[in-house]
């Protein structure tokens, strides 16, 4: 028997398609900078571009994508083991989701790559400008590897931690504003040997605080 959540998603997608068909053929798309312009230096970390394989790009569809590892200075001495850990940043931005394009939830993509969600919660953070964000907070494992993962949907100035809530806002904004643009922001860092999960979590949250104020230039409010 299929779960109520699955039927809810099917209902929302069907209703969204109907609304978009009735409303017309064009979304309102606001100007934005390409994600490639996001600073390659965040705090003391410098980015290394990570290529997305062609087959994955085909699955992702028509959007703007960023995939980077932000690495600390290899010559720096860390106060803790985690200070020398990488932080992975992935952003997928879709200016429109009308033509069958939609954001793939990490809750579907990561298990397909062998990752298991060990814990799920919602974390809150405040950026340097005082704006508050709510983000999904996950501990994931793959064999002997354990990572701290954050992700959220950036949608017209909102940070939305949940998949279904994001779909509801997308539907509502498509009706009210003629906009279906949306981005997924995902941050991952390993829980390295010798550190607690809380240290990796703090590292990921601190990185999120630094990039959050930069996003509106690339993902319009």
C-alpha atoms as a PDB file:
ATOM      1  CA  UNK A   1       0.000   0.000   0.000  1.00  0.00           C
ATOM      2  CA  UNK A   2       1.400   3.370  -0.943  1.00  0.00           C
ATOM      3  CA  UNK A   3       2.097   5.835   1.835  1.00  0.00           C
ATOM      4  CA  UNK A   4      -0.082   8.942   2.421  1.00  0.00           C
ATOM      5  CA  UNK A   5       3.016  11.105   1.772  1.00  0.00           C
ATOM      6  CA  UNK A   6       3.398   9.642  -1.706  1.00  0.00           C
ATOM      7  CA  UNK A   7      -0.239  10.333  -2.538  1.00  0.00           C
ATOM      8  CA  UNK A   8       0.169  13.863  -1.197  1.00  0.00           C
ATOM      9  CA  UNK A   9       3.141  14.475  -3.500  1.00  0.00           C
ATOM     10  CA  UNK A  10       1.217  13.053  -6.477  1.00  0.00           C
ATOM     11  CA  UNK A  11      -1.762  15.280  -5.660  1.00  0.00           C
ATOM     12  CA  UNK A  12       0.401  18.386  -5.295  1.00  0.00           C
ATOM     13  CA  UNK A  13       2.259  17.742  -8.545  1.00  0.00           C
ATOM     14  CA  UNK A  14      -0.993  17.136 -10.424  1.00  0.00           C
ATOM     15  CA  UNK A  15      -2.605  20.267  -9.022  1.00  0.00           C
ATOM     16  CA  UNK A  16       0.514  22.318  -9.776  1.00  0.00           C
ATOM     17  CA  UNK A  17       0.530  21.110 -13.373  1.00  0.00           C
ATOM     18  CA  UNK A  18      -3.146  22.034 -13.725  1.00  0.00           C
ATOM     19  CA  UNK A  19      -2.625  25.518 -12.261  1.00  0.00           C
ATOM     20  CA  UNK A  20       0.372  26.199 -14.489  1.00  0.00           C
ATOM     21  CA  UNK A  21      -1.519  25.029 -17.551  1.00  0.00           C
ATOM     22  CA  UNK A  22      -4.490  27.276 -16.795  1.00  0.00           C
ATOM     23  CA  UNK A  23      -2.332  30.275 -15.926  1.00  0.00           C
ATOM     24  CA  UNK A  24      -0.338  30.326 -19.157  1.00  0.00           C
ATOM     25  CA  UNK A  25       2.988  29.365 -20.665  1.00  0.00           C
ATOM     26  CA  UNK A  26       5.403  31.824 -19.088  1.00  0.00           C
ATOM     27  CA  UNK A  27       6.886  32.046 -15.619  1.00  0.00           C
ATOM     28  CA  UNK A  28       8.100  35.286 -14.151  1.00  0.00           C
ATOM     29  CA  UNK A  29      11.891  34.884 -14.056  1.00  0.00           C
ATOM     30  CA  UNK A  30      13.935  37.460 -12.147  1.00  0.00           C
ATOM     31  CA  UNK A  31      17.497  38.320 -13.193  1.00  0.00           C
ATOM     32  CA  UNK A  32      20.281  36.604 -11.257  1.00  0.00           C
ATOM     33  CA  UNK A  33      24.016  36.010 -11.415  1.00  0.00           C
ATOM     34  CA  UNK A  34      25.374  32.588 -12.427  1.00  0.00           C
ATOM     35  CA  UNK A  35      26.302  30.369  -9.487  1.00  0.00           C
ATOM     36  CA  UNK A  36      29.867  30.170 -10.814  1.00  0.00           C
ATOM     37  CA  UNK A  37      30.318  33.711  -9.497  1.00  0.00           C
ATOM     38  CA  UNK A  38      29.851  32.668  -5.873  1.00  0.00           C
ATOM     39  CA  UNK A  39      33.099  33.533  -4.022  1.00  0.00           C
ATOM     40  CA  UNK A  40      35.691  30.783  -4.103  1.00  0.00           C
ATOM     41  CA  UNK A  41      37.033  31.900  -0.735  1.00  0.00           C
ATOM     42  CA  UNK A  42      34.702  31.623   2.253  1.00  0.00           C
ATOM     43  CA  UNK A  43      36.349  32.491   5.536  1.00  0.00           C
ATOM     44  CA  UNK A  44      39.688  30.667   5.582  1.00  0.00           C
ATOM     45  CA  UNK A  45      38.593  28.052   3.038  1.00  0.00           C
ATOM     46  CA  UNK A  46      39.268  28.000  -0.710  1.00  0.00           C
ATOM     47  CA  UNK A  47      37.083  26.170  -3.209  1.00  0.00           C
ATOM     48  CA  UNK A  48      38.042  23.368  -5.560  1.00  0.00           C
ATOM     49  CA  UNK A  49      35.531  22.769  -8.354  1.00  0.00           C
ATOM     50  CA  UNK A  50      34.048  19.258  -8.450  1.00  0.00           C
ATOM     51  CA  UNK A  51      32.853  18.156 -11.878  1.00  0.00           C
ATOM     52  CA  UNK A  52      29.300  16.840 -12.125  1.00  0.00           C
ATOM     53  CA  UNK A  53      29.225  13.812 -14.479  1.00  0.00           C
ATOM     54  CA  UNK A  54      27.232  14.229 -17.683  1.00  0.00           C
ATOM     55  CA  UNK A  55      24.789  11.484 -16.726  1.00  0.00           C
ATOM     56  CA  UNK A  56      23.992  13.299 -13.481  1.00  0.00           C
ATOM     57  CA  UNK A  57      23.536  16.591 -15.328  1.00  0.00           C
ATOM     58  CA  UNK A  58      21.039  14.881 -17.609  1.00  0.00           C
ATOM     59  CA  UNK A  59      19.074  13.710 -14.577  1.00  0.00           C
ATOM     60  CA  UNK A  60      19.222  17.153 -12.954  1.00  0.00           C
ATOM     61  CA  UNK A  61      17.850  18.830 -16.062  1.00  0.00           C
ATOM     62  CA  UNK A  62      17.926  22.470 -17.143  1.00  0.00           C
ATOM     63  CA  UNK A  63      19.257  24.570 -14.316  1.00  0.00           C
ATOM     64  CA  UNK A  64      22.355  26.239 -12.916  1.00  0.00           C
ATOM     65  CA  UNK A  65      24.535  24.043 -10.703  1.00  0.00           C
ATOM     66  CA  UNK A  66      27.487  24.534  -8.394  1.00  0.00           C
ATOM     67  CA  UNK A  67      29.512  21.699  -6.869  1.00  0.00           C
ATOM     68  CA  UNK A  68      32.603  22.580  -4.822  1.00  0.00           C
ATOM     69  CA  UNK A  69      34.797  21.399  -1.983  1.00  0.00           C
ATOM     70  CA  UNK A  70      35.868  24.259   0.275  1.00  0.00           C
ATOM     71  CA  UNK A  71      39.219  23.233   1.696  1.00  0.00           C
ATOM     72  CA  UNK A  72      41.264  24.733   4.530  1.00  0.00           C
ATOM     73  CA  UNK A  73      44.836  25.903   4.085  1.00  0.00           C
ATOM     74  CA  UNK A  74      46.789  22.611   3.953  1.00  0.00           C
ATOM     75  CA  UNK A  75      49.653  24.238   5.847  1.00  0.00           C
ATOM     76  CA  UNK A  76      47.467  25.541   8.668  1.00  0.00           C
ATOM     77  CA  UNK A  77      47.478  23.883  12.028  1.00  0.00           C
ATOM     78  CA  UNK A  78      44.002  23.043  13.252  1.00  0.00           C
ATOM     79  CA  UNK A  79      42.895  23.468  16.835  1.00  0.00           C
ATOM     80  CA  UNK A  80      40.855  20.288  16.383  1.00  0.00           C
ATOM     81  CA  UNK A  81      40.872  17.395  13.882  1.00  0.00           C
ATOM     82  CA  UNK A  82      37.848  18.831  12.127  1.00  0.00           C
ATOM     83  CA  UNK A  83      39.534  22.155  11.381  1.00  0.00           C
ATOM     84  CA  UNK A  84      41.301  20.489   8.457  1.00  0.00           C
ATOM     85  CA  UNK A  85      38.183  18.785   7.077  1.00  0.00           C
ATOM     86  CA  UNK A  86      36.662  19.762   3.729  1.00  0.00           C
ATOM     87  CA  UNK A  87      33.185  21.233   3.392  1.00  0.00           C
ATOM     88  CA  UNK A  88      31.221  20.289   0.300  1.00  0.00           C
ATOM     89  CA  UNK A  89      28.760  22.790  -1.179  1.00  0.00           C
ATOM     90  CA  UNK A  90      26.187  21.858  -3.810  1.00  0.00           C
ATOM     91  CA  UNK A  91      23.577  24.294  -5.126  1.00  0.00           C
ATOM     92  CA  UNK A  92      20.981  23.529  -7.793  1.00  0.00           C
ATOM     93  CA  UNK A  93      18.985  26.520  -9.042  1.00  0.00           C
ATOM     94  CA  UNK A  94      16.045  26.262 -11.416  1.00  0.00           C
ATOM     95  CA  UNK A  95      14.793  29.582 -12.847  1.00  0.00           C
ATOM     96  CA  UNK A  96      11.577  27.766 -13.785  1.00  0.00           C
ATOM     97  CA  UNK A  97      10.106  24.376 -12.978  1.00  0.00           C
ATOM     98  CA  UNK A  98       7.338  24.590 -15.553  1.00  0.00           C
ATOM     99  CA  UNK A  99       8.725  22.345 -18.291  1.00  0.00           C
ATOM    100  CA  UNK A 100       9.002  19.178 -16.224  1.00  0.00           C
ATOM    101  CA  UNK A 101      12.107  20.349 -14.331  1.00  0.00           C
ATOM    102  CA  UNK A 102      12.053  19.885 -10.584  1.00  0.00           C
ATOM    103  CA  UNK A 103      14.511  19.725  -7.725  1.00  0.00           C
ATOM    104  CA  UNK A 104      15.598  16.248  -6.665  1.00  0.00           C
ATOM    105  CA  UNK A 105      15.432  15.827  -2.902  1.00  0.00           C
ATOM    106  CA  UNK A 106      18.630  14.632  -1.187  1.00  0.00           C
ATOM    107  CA  UNK A 107      16.406  12.183   0.674  1.00  0.00           C
ATOM    108  CA  UNK A 108      16.022  10.384  -2.640  1.00  0.00           C
ATOM    109  CA  UNK A 109      19.406  11.059  -4.267  1.00  0.00           C
ATOM    110  CA  UNK A 110      21.704  10.259  -1.334  1.00  0.00           C
ATOM    111  CA  UNK A 111      20.202   6.818  -0.559  1.00  0.00           C
ATOM    112  CA  UNK A 112      20.559   6.026  -4.265  1.00  0.00           C
ATOM    113  CA  UNK A 113      24.303   6.651  -3.858  1.00  0.00           C
ATOM    114  CA  UNK A 114      24.516   4.325  -0.854  1.00  0.00           C
ATOM    115  CA  UNK A 115      24.004   6.840   1.953  1.00  0.00           C
ATOM    116  CA  UNK A 116      21.812   6.053   4.963  1.00  0.00           C
ATOM    117  CA  UNK A 117      20.074   8.755   7.008  1.00  0.00           C
ATOM    118  CA  UNK A 118      20.859   7.959  10.641  1.00  0.00           C
ATOM    119  CA  UNK A 119      19.144  11.004  12.152  1.00  0.00           C
ATOM    120  CA  UNK A 120      16.952  13.855  10.930  1.00  0.00           C
ATOM    121  CA  UNK A 121      16.127  17.176  12.562  1.00  0.00           C
ATOM    122  CA  UNK A 122      15.782  20.892  11.854  1.00  0.00           C
ATOM    123  CA  UNK A 123      18.448  23.397  12.882  1.00  0.00           C
ATOM    124  CA  UNK A 124      18.121  27.164  13.158  1.00  0.00           C
ATOM    125  CA  UNK A 125      20.846  29.670  12.390  1.00  0.00           C
ATOM    126  CA  UNK A 126      21.200  33.436  12.144  1.00  0.00           C
ATOM    127  CA  UNK A 127      23.385  35.040   9.491  1.00  0.00           C
ATOM    128  CA  UNK A 128      25.633  38.073  10.161  1.00  0.00           C
ATOM    129  CA  UNK A 129      22.836  40.409   9.015  1.00  0.00           C
ATOM    130  CA  UNK A 130      20.479  38.981  11.631  1.00  0.00           C
ATOM    131  CA  UNK A 131      18.262  36.988   9.268  1.00  0.00           C
ATOM    132  CA  UNK A 132      17.090  33.635  10.620  1.00  0.00           C
ATOM    133  CA  UNK A 133      17.157  30.383   8.649  1.00  0.00           C
ATOM    134  CA  UNK A 134      15.703  26.930   9.249  1.00  0.00           C
ATOM    135  CA  UNK A 135      17.624  24.077   7.616  1.00  0.00           C
ATOM    136  CA  UNK A 136      17.409  20.306   7.529  1.00  0.00           C
ATOM    137  CA  UNK A 137      20.069  18.733   9.752  1.00  0.00           C
ATOM    138  CA  UNK A 138      21.118  15.134   9.060  1.00  0.00           C
ATOM    139  CA  UNK A 139      23.683  12.558  10.087  1.00  0.00           C
ATOM    140  CA  UNK A 140      24.389  10.240   7.156  1.00  0.00           C
ATOM    141  CA  UNK A 141      26.579   7.155   6.783  1.00  0.00           C
ATOM    142  CA  UNK A 142      27.994   5.144   3.894  1.00  0.00           C
ATOM    143  CA  UNK A 143      29.949   2.127   5.020  1.00  0.00           C
ATOM    144  CA  UNK A 144      32.589   3.378   7.443  1.00  0.00           C
ATOM    145  CA  UNK A 145      32.107   7.044   6.439  1.00  0.00           C
ATOM    146  CA  UNK A 146      29.988   9.355   8.574  1.00  0.00           C
ATOM    147  CA  UNK A 147      29.046  12.859   7.426  1.00  0.00           C
ATOM    148  CA  UNK A 148      27.109  15.816   8.768  1.00  0.00           C
ATOM    149  CA  UNK A 149      24.705  17.164   6.129  1.00  0.00           C
ATOM    150  CA  UNK A 150      22.588  20.293   5.996  1.00  0.00           C
ATOM    151  CA  UNK A 151      20.167  21.143   3.240  1.00  0.00           C
ATOM    152  CA  UNK A 152      17.362  23.544   2.601  1.00  0.00           C
ATOM    153  CA  UNK A 153      15.288  25.009  -0.198  1.00  0.00           C
ATOM    154  CA  UNK A 154      15.901  28.677  -0.977  1.00  0.00           C
ATOM    155  CA  UNK A 155      12.591  30.014  -2.239  1.00  0.00           C
ATOM    156  CA  UNK A 156      11.878  33.729  -2.747  1.00  0.00           C
ATOM    157  CA  UNK A 157      13.718  34.850   0.363  1.00  0.00           C
ATOM    158  CA  UNK A 158      12.648  31.890   2.496  1.00  0.00           C
ATOM    159  CA  UNK A 159      14.699  29.000   3.819  1.00  0.00           C
ATOM    160  CA  UNK A 160      12.574  25.854   3.903  1.00  0.00           C
ATOM    161  CA  UNK A 161      13.956  22.693   5.548  1.00  0.00           C
ATOM    162  CA  UNK A 162      11.355  20.180   4.340  1.00  0.00           C
ATOM    163  CA  UNK A 163      10.563  18.707   0.920  1.00  0.00           C
ATOM    164  CA  UNK A 164       6.773  18.809   1.205  1.00  0.00           C
ATOM    165  CA  UNK A 165       6.676  22.280   2.700  1.00  0.00           C
ATOM    166  CA  UNK A 166       8.824  23.507  -0.201  1.00  0.00           C
ATOM    167  CA  UNK A 167       6.386  21.996  -2.717  1.00  0.00           C
ATOM    168  CA  UNK A 168       3.480  23.772  -1.039  1.00  0.00           C
ATOM    169  CA  UNK A 169       5.275  27.139  -1.149  1.00  0.00           C
ATOM    170  CA  UNK A 170       6.231  26.574  -4.787  1.00  0.00           C
ATOM    171  CA  UNK A 171       2.611  25.891  -5.636  1.00  0.00           C
ATOM    172  CA  UNK A 172       1.375  28.931  -3.706  1.00  0.00           C
ATOM    173  CA  UNK A 173       3.957  31.280  -5.245  1.00  0.00           C
ATOM    174  CA  UNK A 174       3.259  29.998  -8.753  1.00  0.00           C
ATOM    175  CA  UNK A 175      -0.343  31.081  -8.267  1.00  0.00           C
ATOM    176  CA  UNK A 176       0.303  34.375  -6.474  1.00  0.00           C
ATOM    177  CA  UNK A 177       3.432  35.623  -8.230  1.00  0.00           C
ATOM    178  CA  UNK A 178       3.826  33.549 -11.389  1.00  0.00           C
ATOM    179  CA  UNK A 179       7.164  32.240 -10.101  1.00  0.00           C
ATOM    180  CA  UNK A 180       8.389  28.650  -9.810  1.00  0.00           C
ATOM    181  CA  UNK A 181      12.107  29.428  -9.402  1.00  0.00           C
ATOM    182  CA  UNK A 182      13.767  27.628  -6.515  1.00  0.00           C
ATOM    183  CA  UNK A 183      17.158  26.392  -5.324  1.00  0.00           C
ATOM    184  CA  UNK A 184      18.421  23.527  -3.225  1.00  0.00           C
ATOM    185  CA  UNK A 185      21.437  24.270  -1.017  1.00  0.00           C
ATOM    186  CA  UNK A 186      23.344  21.301   0.443  1.00  0.00           C
ATOM    187  CA  UNK A 187      26.375  21.370   2.747  1.00  0.00           C
ATOM    188  CA  UNK A 188      28.271  18.212   3.748  1.00  0.00           C
ATOM    189  CA  UNK A 189      31.332  17.732   5.948  1.00  0.00           C
ATOM    190  CA  UNK A 190      32.817  14.528   7.361  1.00  0.00           C
ATOM    191  CA  UNK A 191      32.760  13.596  11.020  1.00  0.00           C
ATOM    192  CA  UNK A 192      36.476  12.880  11.194  1.00  0.00           C
ATOM    193  CA  UNK A 193      38.251  10.553  13.579  1.00  0.00           C
ATOM    194  CA  UNK A 194      38.769  12.186  16.942  1.00  0.00           C
ATOM    195  CA  UNK A 195      35.818  14.589  16.851  1.00  0.00           C
ATOM    196  CA  UNK A 196      32.207  14.459  18.016  1.00  0.00           C
ATOM    197  CA  UNK A 197      29.287  14.830  15.657  1.00  0.00           C
ATOM    198  CA  UNK A 198      28.502  18.165  17.376  1.00  0.00           C
ATOM    199  CA  UNK A 199      31.818  19.618  16.154  1.00  0.00           C
ATOM    200  CA  UNK A 200      31.093  18.648  12.543  1.00  0.00           C
ATOM    201  CA  UNK A 201      27.591  20.072  12.903  1.00  0.00           C
ATOM    202  CA  UNK A 202      28.931  23.374  14.217  1.00  0.00           C
ATOM    203  CA  UNK A 203      31.396  23.526  11.316  1.00  0.00           C
ATOM    204  CA  UNK A 204      28.630  23.018   8.760  1.00  0.00           C
ATOM    205  CA  UNK A 205      26.333  25.552  10.444  1.00  0.00           C
ATOM    206  CA  UNK A 206      29.093  28.152  10.610  1.00  0.00           C
ATOM    207  CA  UNK A 207      29.730  27.699   6.888  1.00  0.00           C
ATOM    208  CA  UNK A 208      26.000  28.036   6.204  1.00  0.00           C
ATOM    209  CA  UNK A 209      25.943  31.324   8.140  1.00  0.00           C
ATOM    210  CA  UNK A 210      28.693  32.657   5.893  1.00  0.00           C
ATOM    211  CA  UNK A 211      27.147  31.723   2.555  1.00  0.00           C
ATOM    212  CA  UNK A 212      23.500  32.496   3.372  1.00  0.00           C
ATOM    213  CA  UNK A 213      23.762  36.307   2.920  1.00  0.00           C
ATOM    214  CA  UNK A 214      25.433  35.765  -0.484  1.00  0.00           C
ATOM    215  CA  UNK A 215      22.628  33.716  -1.973  1.00  0.00           C
ATOM    216  CA  UNK A 216      20.090  36.397  -3.069  1.00  0.00           C
ATOM    217  CA  UNK A 217      22.396  37.594  -5.851  1.00  0.00           C
ATOM    218  CA  UNK A 218      22.280  34.102  -7.380  1.00  0.00           C
ATOM    219  CA  UNK A 219      18.863  32.906  -6.119  1.00  0.00           C
ATOM    220  CA  UNK A 220      16.476  35.893  -6.292  1.00  0.00           C
ATOM    221  CA  UNK A 221      14.319  36.777  -3.299  1.00  0.00           C
END
